[in-house]
């Protein structure tokens, strides 16, 4: 039983160490993730006017004022929530889930989530 527990501990330790070992530069990756997290929490509100603008240009003023507002509110929650998640887990270097990573990188592009 002790061998099984020791083996599981070693495997779990390697599972957590392996992604860090393959990272280019741990300090840079961690700082980048923290920066994305803090920026997304601080600027999540900007998804509202961004989506009103994008949908208004694409589908017209009425759609921008209705669909754009609702889409923007959902995107505000999404960007802010992912910002909180990135800030809380910044010590685990992973790529940001929000695309574009910063709202100002693509103010004219729709926000997406995923890899």
PDB file of N, CA and C in Angstrom:
ATOM      1  N   UNK A   1       0.823  -1.187   0.000  1.00  0.00           N
ATOM      2  CA  UNK A   1       0.000   0.000   0.000  1.00  0.00           C
ATOM      3  C   UNK A   1       0.873   1.260   0.000  1.00  0.00           C
ATOM      4  N   UNK A   2       1.974   1.228   0.734  1.00  0.00           N
ATOM      5  CA  UNK A   2       2.858   2.383   0.775  1.00  0.00           C
ATOM      6  C   UNK A   2       3.474   2.646  -0.596  1.00  0.00           C
ATOM      7  N   UNK A   3       3.775   1.577  -1.344  1.00  0.00           N
ATOM      8  CA  UNK A   3       4.355   1.750  -2.678  1.00  0.00           C
ATOM      9  C   UNK A   3       3.356   2.410  -3.626  1.00  0.00           C
ATOM     10  N   UNK A   4       2.116   2.041  -3.489  1.00  0.00           N
ATOM     11  CA  UNK A   4       1.081   2.621  -4.345  1.00  0.00           C
ATOM     12  C   UNK A   4       0.940   4.113  -4.041  1.00  0.00           C
ATOM     13  N   UNK A   5       0.915   4.464  -2.779  1.00  0.00           N
ATOM     14  CA  UNK A   5       0.774   5.866  -2.387  1.00  0.00           C
ATOM     15  C   UNK A   5       1.982   6.671  -2.850  1.00  0.00           C
ATOM     16  N   UNK A   6       3.184   6.119  -2.671  1.00  0.00           N
ATOM     17  CA  UNK A   6       4.393   6.810  -3.116  1.00  0.00           C
ATOM     18  C   UNK A   6       4.382   6.990  -4.631  1.00  0.00           C
ATOM     19  N   UNK A   7       3.962   5.979  -5.347  1.00  0.00           N
ATOM     20  CA  UNK A   7       3.901   6.061  -6.807  1.00  0.00           C
ATOM     21  C   UNK A   7       2.914   7.137  -7.252  1.00  0.00           C
ATOM     22  N   UNK A   8       1.756   7.181  -6.596  1.00  0.00           N
ATOM     23  CA  UNK A   8       0.769   8.198  -6.935  1.00  0.00           C
ATOM     24  C   UNK A   8       1.276   9.604  -6.634  1.00  0.00           C
ATOM     25  N   UNK A   9       1.993   9.756  -5.538  1.00  0.00           N
ATOM     26  CA  UNK A   9       2.565  11.061  -5.202  1.00  0.00           C
ATOM     27  C   UNK A   9       3.597  11.498  -6.240  1.00  0.00           C
ATOM     28  N   UNK A  10       4.428  10.574  -6.677  1.00  0.00           N
ATOM     29  CA  UNK A  10       5.443  10.895  -7.682  1.00  0.00           C
ATOM     30  C   UNK A  10       4.781  11.269  -9.001  1.00  0.00           C
ATOM     31  N   UNK A  11       3.792  10.505  -9.424  1.00  0.00           N
ATOM     32  CA  UNK A  11       3.096  10.787 -10.677  1.00  0.00           C
ATOM     33  C   UNK A  11       2.384  12.139 -10.603  1.00  0.00           C
ATOM     34  N   UNK A  12       1.724  12.420  -9.488  1.00  0.00           N
ATOM     35  CA  UNK A  12       1.021  13.700  -9.369  1.00  0.00           C
ATOM     36  C   UNK A  12       2.004  14.867  -9.332  1.00  0.00           C
ATOM     37  N   UNK A  13       3.144  14.686  -8.680  1.00  0.00           N
ATOM     38  CA  UNK A  13       4.164  15.740  -8.655  1.00  0.00           C
ATOM     39  C   UNK A  13       4.699  16.005 -10.062  1.00  0.00           C
ATOM     40  N   UNK A  14       4.943  14.958 -10.822  1.00  0.00           N
ATOM     41  CA  UNK A  14       5.432  15.126 -12.192  1.00  0.00           C
ATOM     42  C   UNK A  14       4.394  15.787 -13.083  1.00  0.00           C
ATOM     43  N   UNK A  15       3.145  15.510 -12.814  1.00  0.00           N
ATOM     44  CA  UNK A  15       2.076  16.121 -13.594  1.00  0.00           C
ATOM     45  C   UNK A  15       2.064  17.635 -13.411  1.00  0.00           C
ATOM     46  N   UNK A  16       2.312  18.099 -12.203  1.00  0.00           N
ATOM     47  CA  UNK A  16       2.321  19.537 -11.952  1.00  0.00           C
ATOM     48  C   UNK A  16       3.624  20.193 -12.373  1.00  0.00           C
ATOM     49  N   UNK A  17       4.718  19.469 -12.333  1.00  0.00           N
ATOM     50  CA  UNK A  17       6.025  20.027 -12.681  1.00  0.00           C
ATOM     51  C   UNK A  17       6.232  20.050 -14.189  1.00  0.00           C
ATOM     52  N   UNK A  18       5.718  19.096 -14.923  1.00  0.00           N
ATOM     53  CA  UNK A  18       5.971  18.983 -16.356  1.00  0.00           C
ATOM     54  C   UNK A  18       5.591  20.236 -17.148  1.00  0.00           C
ATOM     55  N   UNK A  19       4.398  20.827 -16.963  1.00  0.00           N
ATOM     56  CA  UNK A  19       4.091  22.033 -17.740  1.00  0.00           C
ATOM     57  C   UNK A  19       5.031  23.192 -17.424  1.00  0.00           C
ATOM     58  N   UNK A  20       5.442  23.311 -16.179  1.00  0.00           N
ATOM     59  CA  UNK A  20       6.352  24.382 -15.797  1.00  0.00           C
ATOM     60  C   UNK A  20       7.722  24.154 -16.413  1.00  0.00           C
ATOM     61  N   UNK A  21       8.165  22.906 -16.471  1.00  0.00           N
ATOM     62  CA  UNK A  21       9.475  22.599 -17.021  1.00  0.00           C
ATOM     63  C   UNK A  21       9.535  22.895 -18.515  1.00  0.00           C
ATOM     64  N   UNK A  22       8.409  22.794 -19.220  1.00  0.00           N
ATOM     65  CA  UNK A  22       8.389  23.034 -20.646  1.00  0.00           C
ATOM     66  C   UNK A  22       8.127  24.498 -20.993  1.00  0.00           C
ATOM     67  N   UNK A  23       7.824  25.284 -20.002  1.00  0.00           N
ATOM     68  CA  UNK A  23       7.544  26.689 -20.258  1.00  0.00           C
ATOM     69  C   UNK A  23       8.822  27.402 -20.672  1.00  0.00           C
ATOM     70  N   UNK A  24       8.661  28.414 -21.524  1.00  0.00           N
ATOM     71  CA  UNK A  24       9.824  29.156 -21.995  1.00  0.00           C
ATOM     72  C   UNK A  24      10.541  29.850 -20.850  1.00  0.00           C
ATOM     73  N   UNK A  25       9.835  30.673 -20.134  1.00  0.00           N
ATOM     74  CA  UNK A  25      10.409  31.390 -19.010  1.00  0.00           C
ATOM     75  C   UNK A  25       9.301  31.543 -17.967  1.00  0.00           C
ATOM     76  N   UNK A  26       9.440  30.877 -16.877  1.00  0.00           N
ATOM     77  CA  UNK A  26       8.379  30.834 -15.864  1.00  0.00           C
ATOM     78  C   UNK A  26       8.005  32.233 -15.386  1.00  0.00           C
ATOM     79  N   UNK A  27       8.994  33.044 -15.064  1.00  0.00           N
ATOM     80  CA  UNK A  27       8.706  34.378 -14.529  1.00  0.00           C
ATOM     81  C   UNK A  27       7.948  35.233 -15.544  1.00  0.00           C
ATOM     82  N   UNK A  28       8.345  35.172 -16.796  1.00  0.00           N
ATOM     83  CA  UNK A  28       7.664  35.939 -17.836  1.00  0.00           C
ATOM     84  C   UNK A  28       6.244  35.444 -18.043  1.00  0.00           C
ATOM     85  N   UNK A  29       6.064  34.125 -18.085  1.00  0.00           N
ATOM     86  CA  UNK A  29       4.732  33.548 -18.286  1.00  0.00           C
ATOM     87  C   UNK A  29       3.789  33.899 -17.140  1.00  0.00           C
ATOM     88  N   UNK A  30       4.299  33.846 -15.918  1.00  0.00           N
ATOM     89  CA  UNK A  30       3.483  34.170 -14.743  1.00  0.00           C
ATOM     90  C   UNK A  30       3.110  35.654 -14.755  1.00  0.00           C
ATOM     91  N   UNK A  31       4.077  36.505 -15.053  1.00  0.00           N
ATOM     92  CA  UNK A  31       3.805  37.944 -15.096  1.00  0.00           C
ATOM     93  C   UNK A  31       2.814  38.283 -16.202  1.00  0.00           C
ATOM     94  N   UNK A  32       2.933  37.606 -17.344  1.00  0.00           N
ATOM     95  CA  UNK A  32       2.016  37.836 -18.455  1.00  0.00           C
ATOM     96  C   UNK A  32       0.593  37.433 -18.078  1.00  0.00           C
ATOM     97  N   UNK A  33       0.460  36.294 -17.422  1.00  0.00           N
ATOM     98  CA  UNK A  33      -0.879  35.829 -17.024  1.00  0.00           C
ATOM     99  C   UNK A  33      -1.480  36.772 -15.982  1.00  0.00           C
ATOM    100  N   UNK A  34      -0.670  37.225 -15.037  1.00  0.00           N
ATOM    101  CA  UNK A  34      -1.162  38.169 -14.035  1.00  0.00           C
ATOM    102  C   UNK A  34      -1.576  39.478 -14.692  1.00  0.00           C
ATOM    103  N   UNK A  35      -0.791  39.942 -15.646  1.00  0.00           N
ATOM    104  CA  UNK A  35      -1.128  41.175 -16.360  1.00  0.00           C
ATOM    105  C   UNK A  35      -2.439  41.062 -17.111  1.00  0.00           C
ATOM    106  N   UNK A  36      -2.628  39.923 -17.801  1.00  0.00           N
ATOM    107  CA  UNK A  36      -3.890  39.700 -18.502  1.00  0.00           C
ATOM    108  C   UNK A  36      -5.056  39.672 -17.513  1.00  0.00           C
ATOM    109  N   UNK A  37      -4.866  38.992 -16.394  1.00  0.00           N
ATOM    110  CA  UNK A  37      -5.938  38.886 -15.407  1.00  0.00           C
ATOM    111  C   UNK A  37      -6.352  40.224 -14.845  1.00  0.00           C
ATOM    112  N   UNK A  38      -5.387  41.002 -14.413  1.00  0.00           N
ATOM    113  CA  UNK A  38      -5.682  42.306 -13.817  1.00  0.00           C
ATOM    114  C   UNK A  38      -6.303  43.237 -14.865  1.00  0.00           C
ATOM    115  N   UNK A  39      -5.749  43.229 -16.069  1.00  0.00           N
ATOM    116  CA  UNK A  39      -6.289  44.089 -17.129  1.00  0.00           C
ATOM    117  C   UNK A  39      -7.716  43.695 -17.489  1.00  0.00           C
ATOM    118  N   UNK A  40      -7.996  42.412 -17.546  1.00  0.00           N
ATOM    119  CA  UNK A  40      -9.341  41.977 -17.908  1.00  0.00           C
ATOM    120  C   UNK A  40     -10.359  42.269 -16.809  1.00  0.00           C
ATOM    121  N   UNK A  41      -9.936  42.215 -15.554  1.00  0.00           N
ATOM    122  CA  UNK A  41     -10.842  42.601 -14.469  1.00  0.00           C
ATOM    123  C   UNK A  41     -11.121  44.105 -14.546  1.00  0.00           C
ATOM    124  N   UNK A  42     -10.084  44.887 -14.809  1.00  0.00           N
ATOM    125  CA  UNK A  42     -10.231  46.344 -14.826  1.00  0.00           C
ATOM    126  C   UNK A  42     -10.981  46.850 -16.058  1.00  0.00           C
ATOM    127  N   UNK A  43     -10.861  46.156 -17.180  1.00  0.00           N
ATOM    128  CA  UNK A  43     -11.456  46.667 -18.419  1.00  0.00           C
ATOM    129  C   UNK A  43     -12.613  45.824 -18.931  1.00  0.00           C
ATOM    130  N   UNK A  44     -13.086  44.891 -18.139  1.00  0.00           N
ATOM    131  CA  UNK A  44     -14.197  44.050 -18.568  1.00  0.00           C
ATOM    132  C   UNK A  44     -15.429  44.851 -18.950  1.00  0.00           C
ATOM    133  N   UNK A  45     -15.657  45.960 -18.284  1.00  0.00           N
ATOM    134  CA  UNK A  45     -16.816  46.815 -18.561  1.00  0.00           C
ATOM    135  C   UNK A  45     -16.809  47.343 -19.990  1.00  0.00           C
ATOM    136  N   UNK A  46     -15.645  47.452 -20.615  1.00  0.00           N
ATOM    137  CA  UNK A  46     -15.540  48.007 -21.967  1.00  0.00           C
ATOM    138  C   UNK A  46     -16.119  47.070 -23.029  1.00  0.00           C
ATOM    139  N   UNK A  47     -16.439  45.841 -22.643  1.00  0.00           N
ATOM    140  CA  UNK A  47     -17.084  44.930 -23.587  1.00  0.00           C
ATOM    141  C   UNK A  47     -18.473  45.436 -23.969  1.00  0.00           C
ATOM    142  N   UNK A  48     -19.121  46.189 -23.108  1.00  0.00           N
ATOM    143  CA  UNK A  48     -20.462  46.682 -23.410  1.00  0.00           C
ATOM    144  C   UNK A  48     -20.452  47.641 -24.605  1.00  0.00           C
ATOM    145  N   UNK A  49     -19.702  48.741 -24.559  1.00  0.00           N
ATOM    146  CA  UNK A  49     -19.702  49.609 -25.743  1.00  0.00           C
ATOM    147  C   UNK A  49     -19.072  48.946 -26.964  1.00  0.00           C
ATOM    148  N   UNK A  50     -18.109  48.063 -26.737  1.00  0.00           N
ATOM    149  CA  UNK A  50     -17.469  47.355 -27.844  1.00  0.00           C
ATOM    150  C   UNK A  50     -18.492  46.527 -28.618  1.00  0.00           C
ATOM    151  N   UNK A  51     -19.329  45.780 -27.911  1.00  0.00           N
ATOM    152  CA  UNK A  51     -20.316  44.935 -28.574  1.00  0.00           C
ATOM    153  C   UNK A  51     -21.451  45.744 -29.190  1.00  0.00           C
ATOM    154  N   UNK A  52     -21.821  46.841 -28.569  1.00  0.00           N
ATOM    155  CA  UNK A  52     -22.820  47.721 -29.171  1.00  0.00           C
ATOM    156  C   UNK A  52     -22.287  48.239 -30.507  1.00  0.00           C
ATOM    157  N   UNK A  53     -21.023  48.640 -30.523  1.00  0.00           N
ATOM    158  CA  UNK A  53     -20.409  49.162 -31.739  1.00  0.00           C
ATOM    159  C   UNK A  53     -20.306  48.088 -32.832  1.00  0.00           C
ATOM    160  N   UNK A  54     -19.796  46.916 -32.469  1.00  0.00           N
ATOM    161  CA  UNK A  54     -19.597  45.850 -33.450  1.00  0.00           C
ATOM    162  C   UNK A  54     -20.932  45.393 -34.050  1.00  0.00           C
ATOM    163  N   UNK A  55     -21.898  45.129 -33.210  1.00  0.00           N
ATOM    164  CA  UNK A  55     -23.192  44.654 -33.710  1.00  0.00           C
ATOM    165  C   UNK A  55     -23.933  45.774 -34.431  1.00  0.00           C
ATOM    166  N   UNK A  56     -23.791  47.004 -33.964  1.00  0.00           N
ATOM    167  CA  UNK A  56     -24.415  48.133 -34.644  1.00  0.00           C
ATOM    168  C   UNK A  56     -23.861  48.335 -36.043  1.00  0.00           C
ATOM    169  N   UNK A  57     -22.560  48.192 -36.212  1.00  0.00           N
ATOM    170  CA  UNK A  57     -21.954  48.337 -37.537  1.00  0.00           C
ATOM    171  C   UNK A  57     -22.333  47.186 -38.463  1.00  0.00           C
ATOM    172  N   UNK A  58     -22.452  45.999 -37.877  1.00  0.00           N
ATOM    173  CA  UNK A  58     -22.735  44.814 -38.678  1.00  0.00           C
ATOM    174  C   UNK A  58     -24.216  44.700 -39.037  1.00  0.00           C
ATOM    175  N   UNK A  59     -25.101  44.929 -38.059  1.00  0.00           N
ATOM    176  CA  UNK A  59     -26.529  44.658 -38.255  1.00  0.00           C
ATOM    177  C   UNK A  59     -27.431  45.882 -38.151  1.00  0.00           C
ATOM    178  N   UNK A  60     -26.890  47.026 -37.850  1.00  0.00           N
ATOM    179  CA  UNK A  60     -27.701  48.236 -37.776  1.00  0.00           C
ATOM    180  C   UNK A  60     -27.833  48.775 -36.356  1.00  0.00           C
ATOM    181  N   UNK A  61     -28.330  49.995 -36.283  1.00  0.00           N
ATOM    182  CA  UNK A  61     -28.421  50.713 -35.006  1.00  0.00           C
ATOM    183  C   UNK A  61     -29.369  50.024 -34.028  1.00  0.00           C
ATOM    184  N   UNK A  62     -30.514  49.564 -34.513  1.00  0.00           N
ATOM    185  CA  UNK A  62     -31.487  48.920 -33.624  1.00  0.00           C
ATOM    186  C   UNK A  62     -30.902  47.642 -33.021  1.00  0.00           C
ATOM    187  N   UNK A  63     -30.233  46.854 -33.845  1.00  0.00           N
ATOM    188  CA  UNK A  63     -29.602  45.619 -33.333  1.00  0.00           C
ATOM    189  C   UNK A  63     -28.509  45.953 -32.335  1.00  0.00           C
ATOM    190  N   UNK A  64     -27.748  46.995 -32.611  1.00  0.00           N
ATOM    191  CA  UNK A  64     -26.699  47.409 -31.679  1.00  0.00           C
ATOM    192  C   UNK A  64     -27.260  47.834 -30.329  1.00  0.00           C
ATOM    193  N   UNK A  65     -28.401  48.531 -30.379  1.00  0.00           N
ATOM    194  CA  UNK A  65     -29.013  49.026 -29.143  1.00  0.00           C
ATOM    195  C   UNK A  65     -29.739  47.933 -28.363  1.00  0.00           C
ATOM    196  N   UNK A  66     -30.050  46.832 -29.002  1.00  0.00           N
ATOM    197  CA  UNK A  66     -30.753  45.754 -28.293  1.00  0.00           C
ATOM    198  C   UNK A  66     -29.854  44.535 -28.122  1.00  0.00           C
ATOM    199  N   UNK A  67     -29.564  43.872 -29.218  1.00  0.00           N
ATOM    200  CA  UNK A  67     -28.721  42.666 -29.159  1.00  0.00           C
ATOM    201  C   UNK A  67     -27.326  43.015 -28.657  1.00  0.00           C
ATOM    202  N   UNK A  68     -26.806  44.158 -29.100  1.00  0.00           N
ATOM    203  CA  UNK A  68     -25.471  44.577 -28.682  1.00  0.00           C
ATOM    204  C   UNK A  68     -25.362  44.777 -27.183  1.00  0.00           C
ATOM    205  N   UNK A  69     -26.404  45.332 -26.588  1.00  0.00           N
ATOM    206  CA  UNK A  69     -26.402  45.545 -25.131  1.00  0.00           C
ATOM    207  C   UNK A  69     -26.392  44.204 -24.396  1.00  0.00           C
ATOM    208  N   UNK A  70     -27.250  43.295 -24.799  1.00  0.00           N
ATOM    209  CA  UNK A  70     -27.306  41.998 -24.114  1.00  0.00           C
ATOM    210  C   UNK A  70     -26.022  41.197 -24.337  1.00  0.00           C
ATOM    211  N   UNK A  71     -25.533  41.208 -25.571  1.00  0.00           N
ATOM    212  CA  UNK A  71     -24.274  40.508 -25.858  1.00  0.00           C
ATOM    213  C   UNK A  71     -23.134  41.135 -25.062  1.00  0.00           C
ATOM    214  N   UNK A  72     -23.131  42.460 -25.005  1.00  0.00           N
ATOM    215  CA  UNK A  72     -22.098  43.161 -24.244  1.00  0.00           C
ATOM    216  C   UNK A  72     -22.115  42.820 -22.770  1.00  0.00           C
ATOM    217  N   UNK A  73     -23.297  42.718 -22.188  1.00  0.00           N
ATOM    218  CA  UNK A  73     -23.398  42.365 -20.769  1.00  0.00           C
ATOM    219  C   UNK A  73     -22.850  40.958 -20.502  1.00  0.00           C
ATOM    220  N   UNK A  74     -23.160  40.038 -21.406  1.00  0.00           N
ATOM    221  CA  UNK A  74     -22.628  38.679 -21.263  1.00  0.00           C
ATOM    222  C   UNK A  74     -21.100  38.689 -21.398  1.00  0.00           C
ATOM    223  N   UNK A  75     -20.594  39.457 -22.349  1.00  0.00           N
ATOM    224  CA  UNK A  75     -19.148  39.535 -22.554  1.00  0.00           C
ATOM    225  C   UNK A  75     -18.450  40.237 -21.382  1.00  0.00           C
ATOM    226  N   UNK A  76     -19.120  41.213 -20.774  1.00  0.00           N
ATOM    227  CA  UNK A  76     -18.564  41.865 -19.570  1.00  0.00           C
ATOM    228  C   UNK A  76     -18.356  40.815 -18.488  1.00  0.00           C
ATOM    229  N   UNK A  77     -19.380  40.001 -18.261  1.00  0.00           N
ATOM    230  CA  UNK A  77     -19.270  38.951 -17.247  1.00  0.00           C
ATOM    231  C   UNK A  77     -18.171  37.950 -17.612  1.00  0.00           C
ATOM    232  N   UNK A  78     -18.105  37.559 -18.884  1.00  0.00           N
ATOM    233  CA  UNK A  78     -17.102  36.586 -19.318  1.00  0.00           C
ATOM    234  C   UNK A  78     -15.691  37.094 -19.159  1.00  0.00           C
ATOM    235  N   UNK A  79     -15.399  38.290 -19.677  1.00  0.00           N
ATOM    236  CA  UNK A  79     -14.034  38.828 -19.597  1.00  0.00           C
ATOM    237  C   UNK A  79     -13.634  39.069 -18.144  1.00  0.00           C
ATOM    238  N   UNK A  80     -14.551  39.593 -17.347  1.00  0.00           N
ATOM    239  CA  UNK A  80     -14.237  39.858 -15.939  1.00  0.00           C
ATOM    240  C   UNK A  80     -14.018  38.558 -15.176  1.00  0.00           C
ATOM    241  N   UNK A  81     -14.849  37.561 -15.418  1.00  0.00           N
ATOM    242  CA  UNK A  81     -14.696  36.274 -14.725  1.00  0.00           C
ATOM    243  C   UNK A  81     -13.379  35.597 -15.097  1.00  0.00           C
ATOM    244  N   UNK A  82     -13.036  35.610 -16.378  1.00  0.00           N
ATOM    245  CA  UNK A  82     -11.761  35.027 -16.781  1.00  0.00           C
ATOM    246  C   UNK A  82     -10.592  35.841 -16.248  1.00  0.00           C
ATOM    247  N   UNK A  83     -10.775  37.141 -16.095  1.00  0.00           N
ATOM    248  CA  UNK A  83      -9.735  37.966 -15.482  1.00  0.00           C
ATOM    249  C   UNK A  83      -9.510  37.589 -14.028  1.00  0.00           C
ATOM    250  N   UNK A  84     -10.599  37.369 -13.309  1.00  0.00           N
ATOM    251  CA  UNK A  84     -10.491  36.931 -11.911  1.00  0.00           C
ATOM    252  C   UNK A  84      -9.802  35.566 -11.840  1.00  0.00           C
ATOM    253  N   UNK A  85     -10.198  34.664 -12.737  1.00  0.00           N
ATOM    254  CA  UNK A  85      -9.599  33.327 -12.765  1.00  0.00           C
ATOM    255  C   UNK A  85      -8.105  33.392 -13.082  1.00  0.00           C
ATOM    256  N   UNK A  86      -7.726  34.183 -14.081  1.00  0.00           N
ATOM    257  CA  UNK A  86      -6.308  34.325 -14.416  1.00  0.00           C
ATOM    258  C   UNK A  86      -5.524  34.953 -13.274  1.00  0.00           C
ATOM    259  N   UNK A  87      -6.100  35.931 -12.602  1.00  0.00           N
ATOM    260  CA  UNK A  87      -5.423  36.576 -11.478  1.00  0.00           C
ATOM    261  C   UNK A  87      -5.258  35.605 -10.310  1.00  0.00           C
ATOM    262  N   UNK A  88      -6.285  34.810 -10.041  1.00  0.00           N
ATOM    263  CA  UNK A  88      -6.228  33.869  -8.918  1.00  0.00           C
ATOM    264  C   UNK A  88      -5.273  32.718  -9.170  1.00  0.00           C
ATOM    265  N   UNK A  89      -5.071  32.349 -10.439  1.00  0.00           N
ATOM    266  CA  UNK A  89      -4.232  31.189 -10.755  1.00  0.00           C
ATOM    267  C   UNK A  89      -2.978  31.582 -11.531  1.00  0.00           C
ATOM    268  N   UNK A  90      -2.510  32.809 -11.348  1.00  0.00           N
ATOM    269  CA  UNK A  90      -1.387  33.284 -12.153  1.00  0.00           C
ATOM    270  C   UNK A  90      -0.096  32.511 -11.921  1.00  0.00           C
ATOM    271  N   UNK A  91       0.032  31.830 -10.791  1.00  0.00           N
ATOM    272  CA  UNK A  91       1.248  31.048 -10.524  1.00  0.00           C
ATOM    273  C   UNK A  91       1.330  29.778 -11.364  1.00  0.00           C
ATOM    274  N   UNK A  92       0.238  29.422 -12.014  1.00  0.00           N
ATOM    275  CA  UNK A  92       0.222  28.277 -12.931  1.00  0.00           C
ATOM    276  C   UNK A  92       0.216  28.863 -14.336  1.00  0.00           C
ATOM    277  N   UNK A  93       1.364  28.897 -14.997  1.00  0.00           N
ATOM    278  CA  UNK A  93       1.443  29.587 -16.287  1.00  0.00           C
ATOM    279  C   UNK A  93       0.710  28.833 -17.405  1.00  0.00           C
ATOM    280  N   UNK A  94      -0.380  29.396 -17.851  1.00  0.00           N
ATOM    281  CA  UNK A  94      -1.137  28.867 -18.989  1.00  0.00           C
ATOM    282  C   UNK A  94      -1.452  30.032 -19.923  1.00  0.00           C
ATOM    283  N   UNK A  95      -1.820  29.709 -21.131  1.00  0.00           N
ATOM    284  CA  UNK A  95      -2.197  30.754 -22.082  1.00  0.00           C
ATOM    285  C   UNK A  95      -3.534  31.351 -21.669  1.00  0.00           C
ATOM    286  N   UNK A  96      -3.710  32.597 -21.984  1.00  0.00           N
ATOM    287  CA  UNK A  96      -4.968  33.244 -21.661  1.00  0.00           C
ATOM    288  C   UNK A  96      -6.112  32.639 -22.484  1.00  0.00           C
ATOM    289  N   UNK A  97      -7.258  32.562 -21.897  1.00  0.00           N
ATOM    290  CA  UNK A  97      -8.419  31.947 -22.544  1.00  0.00           C
ATOM    291  C   UNK A  97      -9.198  32.952 -23.365  1.00  0.00           C
ATOM    292  N   UNK A  98      -9.106  34.216 -23.021  1.00  0.00           N
ATOM    293  CA  UNK A  98      -9.854  35.261 -23.703  1.00  0.00           C
ATOM    294  C   UNK A  98      -9.078  35.708 -24.941  1.00  0.00           C
ATOM    295  N   UNK A  99      -9.765  35.748 -26.076  1.00  0.00           N
ATOM    296  CA  UNK A  99      -9.148  36.223 -27.315  1.00  0.00           C
ATOM    297  C   UNK A  99      -9.958  37.399 -27.829  1.00  0.00           C
ATOM    298  N   UNK A 100      -9.415  38.541 -28.083  1.00  0.00           N
ATOM    299  CA  UNK A 100      -8.045  38.963 -27.849  1.00  0.00           C
ATOM    300  C   UNK A 100      -7.746  39.081 -26.359  1.00  0.00           C
ATOM    301  N   UNK A 101      -6.498  38.867 -26.007  1.00  0.00           N
ATOM    302  CA  UNK A 101      -6.088  38.829 -24.607  1.00  0.00           C
ATOM    303  C   UNK A 101      -6.365  40.121 -23.853  1.00  0.00           C
ATOM    304  N   UNK A 102      -6.113  41.232 -24.498  1.00  0.00           N
ATOM    305  CA  UNK A 102      -6.431  42.545 -23.932  1.00  0.00           C
ATOM    306  C   UNK A 102      -7.520  43.161 -24.795  1.00  0.00           C
ATOM    307  N   UNK A 103      -8.430  43.875 -24.191  1.00  0.00           N
ATOM    308  CA  UNK A 103      -9.547  44.426 -24.946  1.00  0.00           C
ATOM    309  C   UNK A 103      -9.072  45.424 -25.992  1.00  0.00           C
ATOM    310  N   UNK A 104      -7.995  46.137 -25.725  1.00  0.00           N
ATOM    311  CA  UNK A 104      -7.512  47.146 -26.662  1.00  0.00           C
ATOM    312  C   UNK A 104      -6.748  46.547 -27.844  1.00  0.00           C
ATOM    313  N   UNK A 105      -6.428  45.251 -27.779  1.00  0.00           N
ATOM    314  CA  UNK A 105      -5.744  44.606 -28.899  1.00  0.00           C
ATOM    315  C   UNK A 105      -6.663  44.403 -30.101  1.00  0.00           C
ATOM    316  N   UNK A 106      -7.918  44.330 -29.873  1.00  0.00           N
ATOM    317  CA  UNK A 106      -8.844  44.109 -30.970  1.00  0.00           C
ATOM    318  C   UNK A 106     -10.206  44.668 -30.638  1.00  0.00           C
ATOM    319  N   UNK A 107     -10.302  45.976 -30.495  1.00  0.00           N
ATOM    320  CA  UNK A 107     -11.572  46.577 -30.087  1.00  0.00           C
ATOM    321  C   UNK A 107     -12.630  46.415 -31.166  1.00  0.00           C
ATOM    322  N   UNK A 108     -12.207  46.119 -32.383  1.00  0.00           N
ATOM    323  CA  UNK A 108     -13.163  45.939 -33.472  1.00  0.00           C
ATOM    324  C   UNK A 108     -13.412  44.459 -33.778  1.00  0.00           C
ATOM    325  N   UNK A 109     -12.881  43.565 -32.932  1.00  0.00           N
ATOM    326  CA  UNK A 109     -13.065  42.121 -33.127  1.00  0.00           C
ATOM    327  C   UNK A 109     -13.938  41.567 -32.007  1.00  0.00           C
ATOM    328  N   UNK A 110     -14.763  40.576 -32.373  1.00  0.00           N
ATOM    329  CA  UNK A 110     -15.591  39.932 -31.367  1.00  0.00           C
ATOM    330  C   UNK A 110     -14.736  39.112 -30.407  1.00  0.00           C
ATOM    331  N   UNK A 111     -15.084  39.113 -29.142  1.00  0.00           N
ATOM    332  CA  UNK A 111     -14.359  38.360 -28.130  1.00  0.00           C
ATOM    333  C   UNK A 111     -14.764  36.899 -28.176  1.00  0.00           C
ATOM    334  N   UNK A 112     -13.780  36.022 -28.032  1.00  0.00           N
ATOM    335  CA  UNK A 112     -14.070  34.590 -27.981  1.00  0.00           C
ATOM    336  C   UNK A 112     -13.305  33.986 -26.810  1.00  0.00           C
ATOM    337  N   UNK A 113     -13.716  32.829 -26.415  1.00  0.00           N
ATOM    338  CA  UNK A 113     -13.112  32.138 -25.280  1.00  0.00           C
ATOM    339  C   UNK A 113     -12.715  30.740 -25.707  1.00  0.00           C
ATOM    340  N   UNK A 114     -11.558  30.307 -25.308  1.00  0.00           N
ATOM    341  CA  UNK A 114     -11.077  28.977 -25.664  1.00  0.00           C
ATOM    342  C   UNK A 114      -9.668  29.040 -26.211  1.00  0.00           C
ATOM    343  N   UNK A 115      -9.174  27.916 -26.607  1.00  0.00           N
ATOM    344  CA  UNK A 115      -7.786  27.848 -27.083  1.00  0.00           C
ATOM    345  C   UNK A 115      -7.659  28.149 -28.506  1.00  0.00           C
TER     346      UNK A 115
END
